[in-house]
Amino acid sequence: MLKKSLSALVLAIACGSALAAPNKPECIAPAKPGGGFDLTCKLAQAGLQDGKYIDSPLRITYMPGGIGAVAYNTIIAQRPDEAGTIVAFSGGSLLNLAIGKFGRYNVDDVKWLAAIGADYGAVTVRADSPYKTLKDLITTLKADPTKVVMGAGGSVGSQDWMKSALVAKAAGVNYKNMRYVAFEGGGEALTALLGGHVQAYFGDASEVGEYLKAGKVRVLAVFSDTRLPGGLANVPTAKEQGYDVEWPIIRGFYLGPKVNDADYNWWAGTFDKMMATPEFAKQREAQGLFPFALTGAKLDAFVKERVKRYGELAAEFGLVVVK
């Protein structure tokens, strides 16, 4: 009997034991509904909802504040061992970590779990905007950098701000003179764009797909090495238009620092299995994301390398960088 019990235990561990599966799984989107964090949680929700991986639906909760800072601090300080709670992050989160916008905590203070897709920066205007190309926008900025009010999810130093600063630098425009309005996430920034409160949005390609289909916006450029497939196939890259700017954005999740290894490994193994299916590939594509799958130690190494690089980039623009 003892041998049978031990054998069952060993088999369960080897298979990524379902005993570690959370009873009430939750995904925290560190912003208001809409925008990239919400999209990331919804992609995981769609991928996991068929019952192959979890028995209970993945609940999405919203924790806005500091473009991820409130959620990061809350998970570490107040909910460090919640095995059923995953938190969405993006390349913007890593940039904020690099320049110290998450307070006293750093990249080593959570468990980086899984990256489930990649996105790319994009410059978006309203469909009735006078700006037809990125060059049109740059021409206006060169003549008077204060004439265009630009919106983004995040304040000065955020990834959206960094995209605009990189474009300005590539075009010979003084980024310090540009008018910039910060919003709490991409959803608010897009709402402001559609309402005419800002004239351009330096956001993410995945966020604007539905608005583009509806004829509400025009995408002037994407910050990828080559043109993106699908609905953005006709949108030129910034490089094509003479501005050597790329901004890939990974999207994924982290866990609290005190989540035990069994639960962490269950999540990592579950994401590995889910991301290998054709069903998930379709769901990812439907959300406007592109293939990028990393879990566990490989993701941890990637994240730390990115934070280091973002710190170097931020220093070039005179931003405060964590040492």
C-alpha atoms as a PDB file:
ATOM      1  CA  MET A   1       0.000   0.000   0.000  1.00  0.00           C
ATOM      2  CA  LEU A   2       2.828   2.366   0.919  1.00  0.00           C
ATOM      3  CA  LYS A   3       4.606   1.577  -2.353  1.00  0.00           C
ATOM      4  CA  LYS A   4       1.420   2.347  -4.306  1.00  0.00           C
ATOM      5  CA  SER A   5       0.982   5.676  -2.492  1.00  0.00           C
ATOM      6  CA  LEU A   6       4.574   6.681  -3.110  1.00  0.00           C
ATOM      7  CA  SER A   7       4.291   5.695  -6.754  1.00  0.00           C
ATOM      8  CA  ALA A   8       1.152   7.768  -7.164  1.00  0.00           C
ATOM      9  CA  LEU A   9       2.844  10.723  -5.507  1.00  0.00           C
ATOM     10  CA  VAL A  10       5.902  10.468  -7.757  1.00  0.00           C
ATOM     11  CA  LEU A  11       3.669  10.189 -10.856  1.00  0.00           C
ATOM     12  CA  ALA A  12       1.631  13.197  -9.809  1.00  0.00           C
ATOM     13  CA  ILE A  13       4.756  15.300  -9.305  1.00  0.00           C
ATOM     14  CA  ALA A  14       6.204  14.176 -12.624  1.00  0.00           C
ATOM     15  CA  CYS A  15       3.012  15.127 -14.452  1.00  0.00           C
ATOM     16  CA  GLY A  16       2.769  18.579 -12.888  1.00  0.00           C
ATOM     17  CA  SER A  17       0.215  17.437 -10.327  1.00  0.00           C
ATOM     18  CA  ALA A  18      -3.308  18.799 -10.693  1.00  0.00           C
ATOM     19  CA  LEU A  19      -3.260  19.150  -6.878  1.00  0.00           C
ATOM     20  CA  ALA A  20      -1.505  22.492  -7.445  1.00  0.00           C
ATOM     21  CA  ALA A  21      -4.316  23.799  -9.652  1.00  0.00           C
ATOM     22  CA  PRO A  22      -5.929  26.871  -8.008  1.00  0.00           C
ATOM     23  CA  ASN A  23      -9.520  26.680  -6.804  1.00  0.00           C
ATOM     24  CA  LYS A  24     -10.324  30.334  -7.508  1.00  0.00           C
ATOM     25  CA  PRO A  25      -7.904  31.522 -10.192  1.00  0.00           C
ATOM     26  CA  GLU A  26      -7.620  35.264 -10.634  1.00  0.00           C
ATOM     27  CA  CYS A  27      -5.864  37.497 -13.144  1.00  0.00           C
ATOM     28  CA  ILE A  28      -5.106  41.045 -12.068  1.00  0.00           C
ATOM     29  CA  ALA A  29      -5.031  43.659 -14.826  1.00  0.00           C
ATOM     30  CA  PRO A  30      -3.075  46.607 -13.355  1.00  0.00           C
ATOM     31  CA  ALA A  31      -5.192  49.281 -15.049  1.00  0.00           C
ATOM     32  CA  LYS A  32      -8.808  50.116 -15.778  1.00  0.00           C
ATOM     33  CA  PRO A  33     -10.744  47.969 -18.292  1.00  0.00           C
ATOM     34  CA  GLY A  34      -9.533  48.322 -21.855  1.00  0.00           C
ATOM     35  CA  GLY A  35      -5.947  48.502 -23.005  1.00  0.00           C
ATOM     36  CA  GLY A  36      -3.097  46.002 -22.981  1.00  0.00           C
ATOM     37  CA  PHE A  37      -3.269  44.611 -19.444  1.00  0.00           C
ATOM     38  CA  ASP A  38      -6.953  43.813 -19.846  1.00  0.00           C
ATOM     39  CA  LEU A  39      -6.216  42.190 -23.214  1.00  0.00           C
ATOM     40  CA  THR A  40      -3.490  40.031 -21.624  1.00  0.00           C
ATOM     41  CA  CYS A  41      -5.784  38.727 -18.895  1.00  0.00           C
ATOM     42  CA  LYS A  42      -8.579  38.069 -21.378  1.00  0.00           C
ATOM     43  CA  LEU A  43      -6.249  36.047 -23.568  1.00  0.00           C
ATOM     44  CA  ALA A  44      -5.327  33.826 -20.629  1.00  0.00           C
ATOM     45  CA  GLN A  45      -8.997  33.615 -19.664  1.00  0.00           C
ATOM     46  CA  ALA A  46      -9.946  32.465 -23.157  1.00  0.00           C
ATOM     47  CA  GLY A  47      -7.107  29.968 -23.357  1.00  0.00           C
ATOM     48  CA  LEU A  48      -7.846  28.371 -20.003  1.00  0.00           C
ATOM     49  CA  GLN A  49     -11.649  28.425 -20.008  1.00  0.00           C
ATOM     50  CA  ASP A  50     -12.296  25.169 -21.874  1.00  0.00           C
ATOM     51  CA  GLY A  51     -11.809  23.063 -18.729  1.00  0.00           C
ATOM     52  CA  LYS A  52      -8.668  21.251 -19.840  1.00  0.00           C
ATOM     53  CA  TYR A  53      -6.502  23.250 -17.477  1.00  0.00           C
ATOM     54  CA  ILE A  54      -8.613  24.729 -14.669  1.00  0.00           C
ATOM     55  CA  ASP A  55     -11.999  23.778 -13.281  1.00  0.00           C
ATOM     56  CA  SER A  56     -13.075  27.296 -12.288  1.00  0.00           C
ATOM     57  CA  PRO A  57     -13.203  30.249 -14.704  1.00  0.00           C
ATOM     58  CA  LEU A  58     -10.293  32.690 -14.524  1.00  0.00           C
ATOM     59  CA  ARG A  59     -11.670  35.818 -12.874  1.00  0.00           C
ATOM     60  CA  ILE A  60     -10.317  39.191 -14.018  1.00  0.00           C
ATOM     61  CA  THR A  61      -9.986  42.018 -11.514  1.00  0.00           C
ATOM     62  CA  TYR A  62      -8.707  45.522 -12.137  1.00  0.00           C
ATOM     63  CA  MET A  63      -6.130  47.256  -9.977  1.00  0.00           C
ATOM     64  CA  PRO A  64      -5.205  50.585 -11.605  1.00  0.00           C
ATOM     65  CA  GLY A  65      -2.509  52.858 -10.297  1.00  0.00           C
ATOM     66  CA  GLY A  66       0.946  53.868 -11.417  1.00  0.00           C
ATOM     67  CA  ILE A  67       0.742  51.843 -14.659  1.00  0.00           C
ATOM     68  CA  GLY A  68       1.279  48.632 -12.713  1.00  0.00           C
ATOM     69  CA  ALA A  69       3.007  49.977  -9.607  1.00  0.00           C
ATOM     70  CA  VAL A  70       0.017  49.540  -7.279  1.00  0.00           C
ATOM     71  CA  ALA A  71      -0.491  45.915  -8.318  1.00  0.00           C
ATOM     72  CA  TYR A  72       3.237  45.143  -8.076  1.00  0.00           C
ATOM     73  CA  ASN A  73       3.493  46.570  -4.577  1.00  0.00           C
ATOM     74  CA  THR A  74       0.237  44.962  -3.441  1.00  0.00           C
ATOM     75  CA  ILE A  75       1.219  41.464  -4.566  1.00  0.00           C
ATOM     76  CA  ILE A  76       4.643  41.675  -2.935  1.00  0.00           C
ATOM     77  CA  ALA A  77       3.657  43.323   0.343  1.00  0.00           C
ATOM     78  CA  GLN A  78       0.117  42.065   0.972  1.00  0.00           C
ATOM     79  CA  ARG A  79      -0.542  38.974  -1.176  1.00  0.00           C
ATOM     80  CA  PRO A  80       2.874  37.350  -1.719  1.00  0.00           C
ATOM     81  CA  ASP A  81       1.791  33.707  -1.402  1.00  0.00           C
ATOM     82  CA  GLU A  82      -1.484  33.671  -3.378  1.00  0.00           C
ATOM     83  CA  ALA A  83      -0.899  30.750  -5.686  1.00  0.00           C
ATOM     84  CA  GLY A  84      -4.078  31.327  -7.660  1.00  0.00           C
ATOM     85  CA  THR A  85      -3.350  34.954  -8.532  1.00  0.00           C
ATOM     86  CA  ILE A  86      -1.425  35.882 -11.668  1.00  0.00           C
ATOM     87  CA  VAL A  87      -0.696  39.496 -12.573  1.00  0.00           C
ATOM     88  CA  ALA A  88      -0.378  40.839 -16.111  1.00  0.00           C
ATOM     89  CA  PHE A  89       2.765  42.680 -17.137  1.00  0.00           C
ATOM     90  CA  SER A  90       4.136  44.171 -20.339  1.00  0.00           C
ATOM     91  CA  GLY A  91       7.336  45.634 -21.686  1.00  0.00           C
ATOM     92  CA  GLY A  92       6.112  48.892 -20.160  1.00  0.00           C
ATOM     93  CA  SER A  93       6.130  47.284 -16.721  1.00  0.00           C
ATOM     94  CA  LEU A  94       9.767  46.325 -17.236  1.00  0.00           C
ATOM     95  CA  LEU A  95      10.636  49.855 -18.304  1.00  0.00           C
ATOM     96  CA  ASN A  96       8.961  51.253 -15.193  1.00  0.00           C
ATOM     97  CA  LEU A  97      10.941  48.829 -13.068  1.00  0.00           C
ATOM     98  CA  ALA A  98      14.143  49.921 -14.763  1.00  0.00           C
ATOM     99  CA  ILE A  99      13.613  53.592 -13.942  1.00  0.00           C
ATOM    100  CA  GLY A 100      12.326  53.089 -10.395  1.00  0.00           C
ATOM    101  CA  LYS A 101       8.621  53.815 -10.884  1.00  0.00           C
ATOM    102  CA  PHE A 102       7.579  50.759  -8.868  1.00  0.00           C
ATOM    103  CA  GLY A 103       8.999  52.191  -5.655  1.00  0.00           C
ATOM    104  CA  ARG A 104      11.342  50.227  -3.428  1.00  0.00           C
ATOM    105  CA  TYR A 105      10.777  46.898  -5.172  1.00  0.00           C
ATOM    106  CA  ASN A 106      12.834  45.695  -8.121  1.00  0.00           C
ATOM    107  CA  VAL A 107      12.852  43.005 -10.812  1.00  0.00           C
ATOM    108  CA  ASP A 108      13.924  40.303  -8.341  1.00  0.00           C
ATOM    109  CA  ASP A 109      10.915  40.731  -6.048  1.00  0.00           C
ATOM    110  CA  VAL A 110       8.336  38.637  -7.940  1.00  0.00           C
ATOM    111  CA  LYS A 111       8.321  35.297  -9.760  1.00  0.00           C
ATOM    112  CA  TRP A 112       8.210  35.838 -13.525  1.00  0.00           C
ATOM    113  CA  LEU A 113       5.879  33.183 -14.849  1.00  0.00           C
ATOM    114  CA  ALA A 114       5.015  33.275 -18.544  1.00  0.00           C
ATOM    115  CA  ALA A 115       5.136  35.453 -21.653  1.00  0.00           C
ATOM    116  CA  ILE A 116       2.217  34.580 -23.928  1.00  0.00           C
ATOM    117  CA  GLY A 117       2.588  36.902 -26.878  1.00  0.00           C
ATOM    118  CA  ALA A 118       4.256  39.951 -28.350  1.00  0.00           C
ATOM    119  CA  ASP A 119       2.919  43.273 -29.479  1.00  0.00           C
ATOM    120  CA  TYR A 120       4.493  46.283 -31.161  1.00  0.00           C
ATOM    121  CA  GLY A 121       4.234  49.996 -30.692  1.00  0.00           C
ATOM    122  CA  ALA A 122       2.072  52.023 -33.061  1.00  0.00           C
ATOM    123  CA  VAL A 123       1.217  55.651 -33.783  1.00  0.00           C
ATOM    124  CA  THR A 124      -2.527  56.163 -34.086  1.00  0.00           C
ATOM    125  CA  VAL A 125      -4.692  59.162 -34.979  1.00  0.00           C
ATOM    126  CA  ARG A 126      -8.412  59.614 -35.541  1.00  0.00           C
ATOM    127  CA  ALA A 127      -9.751  58.592 -38.934  1.00  0.00           C
ATOM    128  CA  ASP A 128     -10.537  62.229 -39.753  1.00  0.00           C
ATOM    129  CA  SER A 129      -7.088  63.472 -38.720  1.00  0.00           C
ATOM    130  CA  PRO A 130      -5.167  65.684 -41.176  1.00  0.00           C
ATOM    131  CA  TYR A 131      -2.140  63.444 -40.596  1.00  0.00           C
ATOM    132  CA  LYS A 132      -2.085  60.757 -43.270  1.00  0.00           C
ATOM    133  CA  THR A 133       1.453  59.490 -42.691  1.00  0.00           C
ATOM    134  CA  LEU A 134       4.068  59.527 -39.942  1.00  0.00           C
ATOM    135  CA  LYS A 135       5.979  62.088 -42.010  1.00  0.00           C
ATOM    136  CA  ASP A 136       2.962  64.418 -41.870  1.00  0.00           C
ATOM    137  CA  LEU A 137       2.982  64.250 -38.090  1.00  0.00           C
ATOM    138  CA  ILE A 138       6.740  64.749 -37.894  1.00  0.00           C
ATOM    139  CA  THR A 139       6.568  67.752 -40.231  1.00  0.00           C
ATOM    140  CA  THR A 140       4.127  69.453 -37.862  1.00  0.00           C
ATOM    141  CA  LEU A 141       6.252  68.576 -34.823  1.00  0.00           C
ATOM    142  CA  LYS A 142       9.337  70.023 -36.497  1.00  0.00           C
ATOM    143  CA  ALA A 143       7.539  73.274 -37.220  1.00  0.00           C
ATOM    144  CA  ASP A 144       6.066  73.523 -33.705  1.00  0.00           C
ATOM    145  CA  PRO A 145       6.421  70.624 -31.195  1.00  0.00           C
ATOM    146  CA  THR A 146       3.664  72.113 -29.036  1.00  0.00           C
ATOM    147  CA  LYS A 147       1.022  72.002 -31.762  1.00  0.00           C
ATOM    148  CA  VAL A 148       0.282  68.269 -31.432  1.00  0.00           C
ATOM    149  CA  VAL A 149      -1.114  66.994 -28.142  1.00  0.00           C
ATOM    150  CA  MET A 150      -0.017  63.393 -27.733  1.00  0.00           C
ATOM    151  CA  GLY A 151      -1.665  60.916 -25.422  1.00  0.00           C
ATOM    152  CA  ALA A 152      -0.348  57.700 -23.947  1.00  0.00           C
ATOM    153  CA  GLY A 153      -0.889  55.206 -21.194  1.00  0.00           C
ATOM    154  CA  GLY A 154       1.637  56.439 -18.661  1.00  0.00           C
ATOM    155  CA  SER A 155       3.563  59.534 -17.676  1.00  0.00           C
ATOM    156  CA  VAL A 156       6.972  60.771 -18.775  1.00  0.00           C
ATOM    157  CA  GLY A 157       9.329  57.785 -18.779  1.00  0.00           C
ATOM    158  CA  SER A 158       6.654  55.224 -19.624  1.00  0.00           C
ATOM    159  CA  GLN A 159       7.006  53.025 -22.680  1.00  0.00           C
ATOM    160  CA  ASP A 160       4.462  55.094 -24.622  1.00  0.00           C
ATOM    161  CA  TRP A 161       6.413  58.243 -23.826  1.00  0.00           C
ATOM    162  CA  MET A 162       9.626  56.439 -24.799  1.00  0.00           C
ATOM    163  CA  LYS A 163       8.164  55.555 -28.212  1.00  0.00           C
ATOM    164  CA  SER A 164       7.353  59.192 -28.901  1.00  0.00           C
ATOM    165  CA  ALA A 165      10.767  60.323 -27.646  1.00  0.00           C
ATOM    166  CA  LEU A 166      12.565  57.800 -29.864  1.00  0.00           C
ATOM    167  CA  VAL A 167      10.600  58.936 -32.910  1.00  0.00           C
ATOM    168  CA  ALA A 168      11.328  62.575 -32.066  1.00  0.00           C
ATOM    169  CA  LYS A 169      15.025  61.826 -31.656  1.00  0.00           C
ATOM    170  CA  ALA A 170      15.137  59.956 -34.984  1.00  0.00           C
ATOM    171  CA  ALA A 171      13.430  62.929 -36.676  1.00  0.00           C
ATOM    172  CA  GLY A 172      15.601  65.600 -35.080  1.00  0.00           C
ATOM    173  CA  VAL A 173      12.791  67.000 -32.924  1.00  0.00           C
ATOM    174  CA  ASN A 174      13.471  68.087 -29.334  1.00  0.00           C
ATOM    175  CA  TYR A 175      11.306  65.640 -27.377  1.00  0.00           C
ATOM    176  CA  LYS A 176      11.435  67.901 -24.314  1.00  0.00           C
ATOM    177  CA  ASN A 177       9.256  70.457 -26.082  1.00  0.00           C
ATOM    178  CA  MET A 178       6.468  68.062 -27.070  1.00  0.00           C
ATOM    179  CA  ARG A 179       3.051  68.254 -25.405  1.00  0.00           C
ATOM    180  CA  TYR A 180       2.200  65.013 -23.668  1.00  0.00           C
ATOM    181  CA  VAL A 181      -0.909  63.928 -21.733  1.00  0.00           C
ATOM    182  CA  ALA A 182      -0.638  60.864 -19.500  1.00  0.00           C
ATOM    183  CA  PHE A 183      -3.544  58.467 -18.960  1.00  0.00           C
ATOM    184  CA  GLU A 184      -4.046  55.461 -16.715  1.00  0.00           C
ATOM    185  CA  GLY A 185      -3.718  52.797 -19.384  1.00  0.00           C
ATOM    186  CA  GLY A 186      -4.335  52.508 -23.115  1.00  0.00           C
ATOM    187  CA  GLY A 187      -8.116  52.334 -22.776  1.00  0.00           C
ATOM    188  CA  GLU A 188      -8.308  55.872 -21.383  1.00  0.00           C
ATOM    189  CA  ALA A 189      -5.808  57.177 -23.939  1.00  0.00           C
ATOM    190  CA  LEU A 190      -7.841  55.783 -26.837  1.00  0.00           C
ATOM    191  CA  THR A 191     -11.026  57.271 -25.416  1.00  0.00           C
ATOM    192  CA  ALA A 192      -9.303  60.647 -25.257  1.00  0.00           C
ATOM    193  CA  LEU A 193      -8.112  60.266 -28.843  1.00  0.00           C
ATOM    194  CA  LEU A 194     -11.591  59.436 -30.124  1.00  0.00           C
ATOM    195  CA  GLY A 195     -12.992  62.356 -28.143  1.00  0.00           C
ATOM    196  CA  GLY A 196     -10.565  64.777 -29.766  1.00  0.00           C
ATOM    197  CA  HIS A 197      -8.747  65.614 -26.513  1.00  0.00           C
ATOM    198  CA  VAL A 198      -5.413  64.436 -27.964  1.00  0.00           C
ATOM    199  CA  GLN A 199      -4.334  64.312 -31.598  1.00  0.00           C
ATOM    200  CA  ALA A 200      -2.032  61.283 -31.620  1.00  0.00           C
ATOM    201  CA  TYR A 201      -1.651  58.155 -29.510  1.00  0.00           C
ATOM    202  CA  PHE A 202       1.693  56.367 -29.143  1.00  0.00           C
ATOM    203  CA  GLY A 203       0.240  53.063 -27.976  1.00  0.00           C
ATOM    204  CA  ASP A 204       0.287  49.416 -28.989  1.00  0.00           C
ATOM    205  CA  ALA A 205      -0.831  47.786 -32.233  1.00  0.00           C
ATOM    206  CA  SER A 206      -3.061  45.226 -30.511  1.00  0.00           C
ATOM    207  CA  GLU A 207      -5.068  47.914 -28.746  1.00  0.00           C
ATOM    208  CA  VAL A 208      -6.279  49.628 -31.910  1.00  0.00           C
ATOM    209  CA  GLY A 209      -7.353  46.661 -34.060  1.00  0.00           C
ATOM    210  CA  GLU A 210     -11.072  46.900 -33.345  1.00  0.00           C
ATOM    211  CA  TYR A 211     -11.107  50.688 -33.739  1.00  0.00           C
ATOM    212  CA  LEU A 212      -9.307  50.316 -37.058  1.00  0.00           C
ATOM    213  CA  LYS A 213     -11.854  47.768 -38.280  1.00  0.00           C
ATOM    214  CA  ALA A 214     -14.653  50.131 -37.283  1.00  0.00           C
ATOM    215  CA  GLY A 215     -13.090  52.963 -39.285  1.00  0.00           C
ATOM    216  CA  LYS A 216     -12.579  55.156 -36.216  1.00  0.00           C
ATOM    217  CA  VAL A 217      -8.791  55.481 -36.356  1.00  0.00           C
ATOM    218  CA  ARG A 218      -5.852  55.546 -38.744  1.00  0.00           C
ATOM    219  CA  VAL A 219      -2.537  53.893 -37.839  1.00  0.00           C
ATOM    220  CA  LEU A 220       0.369  55.941 -39.183  1.00  0.00           C
ATOM    221  CA  ALA A 221       3.145  53.467 -38.391  1.00  0.00           C
ATOM    222  CA  VAL A 222       4.034  50.340 -36.476  1.00  0.00           C
ATOM    223  CA  PHE A 223       7.329  49.943 -34.621  1.00  0.00           C
ATOM    224  CA  SER A 224       8.247  46.500 -35.921  1.00  0.00           C
ATOM    225  CA  ASP A 225      11.070  45.293 -38.120  1.00  0.00           C
ATOM    226  CA  THR A 226       8.692  44.212 -40.887  1.00  0.00           C
ATOM    227  CA  ARG A 227       5.015  44.846 -41.592  1.00  0.00           C
ATOM    228  CA  LEU A 228       2.561  43.080 -39.339  1.00  0.00           C
ATOM    229  CA  PRO A 229       0.062  40.548 -40.701  1.00  0.00           C
ATOM    230  CA  GLY A 230      -3.713  40.674 -40.543  1.00  0.00           C
ATOM    231  CA  GLY A 231      -5.604  43.926 -40.273  1.00  0.00           C
ATOM    232  CA  LEU A 232      -2.399  45.971 -40.025  1.00  0.00           C
ATOM    233  CA  ALA A 233      -0.791  44.504 -43.154  1.00  0.00           C
ATOM    234  CA  ASN A 234      -1.201  47.785 -45.057  1.00  0.00           C
ATOM    235  CA  VAL A 235       0.353  49.918 -42.324  1.00  0.00           C
ATOM    236  CA  PRO A 236       3.994  50.793 -43.026  1.00  0.00           C
ATOM    237  CA  THR A 237       6.693  50.460 -40.394  1.00  0.00           C
ATOM    238  CA  ALA A 238       8.440  53.517 -39.015  1.00  0.00           C
ATOM    239  CA  LYS A 239      11.605  52.213 -40.688  1.00  0.00           C
ATOM    240  CA  GLU A 240       9.924  52.235 -44.087  1.00  0.00           C
ATOM    241  CA  GLN A 241       9.146  55.898 -43.577  1.00  0.00           C
ATOM    242  CA  GLY A 242      12.706  56.815 -42.691  1.00  0.00           C
ATOM    243  CA  TYR A 243      12.628  56.610 -38.880  1.00  0.00           C
ATOM    244  CA  ASP A 244      14.686  53.770 -37.439  1.00  0.00           C
ATOM    245  CA  VAL A 245      12.535  52.967 -34.418  1.00  0.00           C
ATOM    246  CA  GLU A 246      11.450  49.540 -33.188  1.00  0.00           C
ATOM    247  CA  TRP A 247       9.507  48.811 -30.012  1.00  0.00           C
ATOM    248  CA  PRO A 248       8.491  45.192 -29.381  1.00  0.00           C
ATOM    249  CA  ILE A 249       6.312  44.590 -26.331  1.00  0.00           C
ATOM    250  CA  ILE A 250       6.007  41.267 -24.576  1.00  0.00           C
ATOM    251  CA  ARG A 251       2.889  40.424 -22.614  1.00  0.00           C
ATOM    252  CA  GLY A 252       2.737  37.952 -19.791  1.00  0.00           C
ATOM    253  CA  PHE A 253       2.302  37.254 -16.087  1.00  0.00           C
ATOM    254  CA  TYR A 254       4.108  37.089 -12.780  1.00  0.00           C
ATOM    255  CA  LEU A 255       3.302  35.524  -9.407  1.00  0.00           C
ATOM    256  CA  GLY A 256       3.896  36.672  -5.841  1.00  0.00           C
ATOM    257  CA  PRO A 257       7.374  36.095  -4.365  1.00  0.00           C
ATOM    258  CA  LYS A 258       6.267  33.503  -1.798  1.00  0.00           C
ATOM    259  CA  VAL A 259       4.238  31.248  -4.091  1.00  0.00           C
ATOM    260  CA  ASN A 260       5.656  27.748  -3.593  1.00  0.00           C
ATOM    261  CA  ASP A 261       7.521  25.852  -6.294  1.00  0.00           C
ATOM    262  CA  ALA A 262       4.759  23.285  -6.844  1.00  0.00           C
ATOM    263  CA  ASP A 263       2.193  25.973  -7.650  1.00  0.00           C
ATOM    264  CA  TYR A 264       4.653  27.955  -9.756  1.00  0.00           C
ATOM    265  CA  ASN A 265       5.586  24.858 -11.752  1.00  0.00           C
ATOM    266  CA  TRP A 266       1.920  23.980 -12.244  1.00  0.00           C
ATOM    267  CA  TRP A 267       1.233  27.399 -13.760  1.00  0.00           C
ATOM    268  CA  ALA A 268       4.368  27.293 -15.943  1.00  0.00           C
ATOM    269  CA  GLY A 269       3.576  23.799 -17.194  1.00  0.00           C
ATOM    270  CA  THR A 270      -0.043  24.727 -17.839  1.00  0.00           C
ATOM    271  CA  PHE A 271       0.927  27.766 -19.897  1.00  0.00           C
ATOM    272  CA  ASP A 272       3.442  25.653 -21.853  1.00  0.00           C
ATOM    273  CA  LYS A 273       0.709  23.169 -22.758  1.00  0.00           C
ATOM    274  CA  MET A 274      -1.874  25.841 -23.527  1.00  0.00           C
ATOM    275  CA  MET A 275       0.437  27.894 -25.740  1.00  0.00           C
ATOM    276  CA  ALA A 276       1.374  24.831 -27.803  1.00  0.00           C
ATOM    277  CA  THR A 277      -2.193  24.331 -29.049  1.00  0.00           C
ATOM    278  CA  PRO A 278      -3.609  25.618 -32.354  1.00  0.00           C
ATOM    279  CA  GLU A 279      -6.647  26.884 -30.438  1.00  0.00           C
ATOM    280  CA  PHE A 280      -4.477  29.261 -28.423  1.00  0.00           C
ATOM    281  CA  ALA A 281      -2.688  30.442 -31.571  1.00  0.00           C
ATOM    282  CA  LYS A 282      -6.068  31.488 -32.978  1.00  0.00           C
ATOM    283  CA  GLN A 283      -7.026  33.237 -29.739  1.00  0.00           C
ATOM    284  CA  ARG A 284      -3.710  35.083 -29.635  1.00  0.00           C
ATOM    285  CA  GLU A 285      -4.113  36.186 -33.236  1.00  0.00           C
ATOM    286  CA  ALA A 286      -7.653  37.363 -32.550  1.00  0.00           C
ATOM    287  CA  GLN A 287      -6.255  39.658 -29.862  1.00  0.00           C
ATOM    288  CA  GLY A 288      -3.742  41.124 -32.300  1.00  0.00           C
ATOM    289  CA  LEU A 289      -0.710  39.526 -30.647  1.00  0.00           C
ATOM    290  CA  PHE A 290       2.160  37.674 -32.260  1.00  0.00           C
ATOM    291  CA  PRO A 291       3.997  34.487 -31.206  1.00  0.00           C
ATOM    292  CA  PHE A 292       6.269  34.843 -28.199  1.00  0.00           C
ATOM    293  CA  ALA A 293       6.258  32.032 -25.637  1.00  0.00           C
ATOM    294  CA  LEU A 294       8.600  31.831 -22.662  1.00  0.00           C
ATOM    295  CA  THR A 295       8.094  30.400 -19.190  1.00  0.00           C
ATOM    296  CA  GLY A 296      10.097  29.717 -16.055  1.00  0.00           C
ATOM    297  CA  ALA A 297      13.856  30.299 -15.955  1.00  0.00           C
ATOM    298  CA  LYS A 298      14.052  31.359 -19.609  1.00  0.00           C
ATOM    299  CA  LEU A 299      11.505  34.111 -19.055  1.00  0.00           C
ATOM    300  CA  ASP A 300      13.230  35.181 -15.844  1.00  0.00           C
ATOM    301  CA  ALA A 301      16.529  35.626 -17.704  1.00  0.00           C
ATOM    302  CA  PHE A 302      14.824  37.482 -20.566  1.00  0.00           C
ATOM    303  CA  VAL A 303      13.010  39.870 -18.221  1.00  0.00           C
ATOM    304  CA  LYS A 304      16.173  40.750 -16.328  1.00  0.00           C
ATOM    305  CA  GLU A 305      18.080  41.379 -19.547  1.00  0.00           C
ATOM    306  CA  ARG A 306      15.285  43.662 -20.796  1.00  0.00           C
ATOM    307  CA  VAL A 307      15.202  45.637 -17.541  1.00  0.00           C
ATOM    308  CA  LYS A 308      18.950  46.194 -17.836  1.00  0.00           C
ATOM    309  CA  ARG A 309      18.606  47.388 -21.446  1.00  0.00           C
ATOM    310  CA  TYR A 310      15.674  49.667 -20.630  1.00  0.00           C
ATOM    311  CA  GLY A 311      17.713  51.185 -17.828  1.00  0.00           C
ATOM    312  CA  GLU A 312      20.476  52.019 -20.292  1.00  0.00           C
ATOM    313  CA  LEU A 313      17.984  53.507 -22.735  1.00  0.00           C
ATOM    314  CA  ALA A 314      16.273  55.550 -20.043  1.00  0.00           C
ATOM    315  CA  ALA A 315      19.631  56.968 -18.956  1.00  0.00           C
ATOM    316  CA  GLU A 316      20.132  58.282 -22.499  1.00  0.00           C
ATOM    317  CA  PHE A 317      16.990  60.389 -22.037  1.00  0.00           C
ATOM    318  CA  GLY A 318      17.980  61.654 -18.623  1.00  0.00           C
ATOM    319  CA  LEU A 319      15.438  59.624 -16.669  1.00  0.00           C
ATOM    320  CA  VAL A 320      16.023  58.368 -13.134  1.00  0.00           C
ATOM    321  CA  VAL A 321      17.401  54.858 -13.234  1.00  0.00           C
ATOM    322  CA  VAL A 322      17.549  52.312 -10.437  1.00  0.00           C
ATOM    323  CA  LYS A 323      21.119  51.266  -9.610  1.00  0.00           C
END
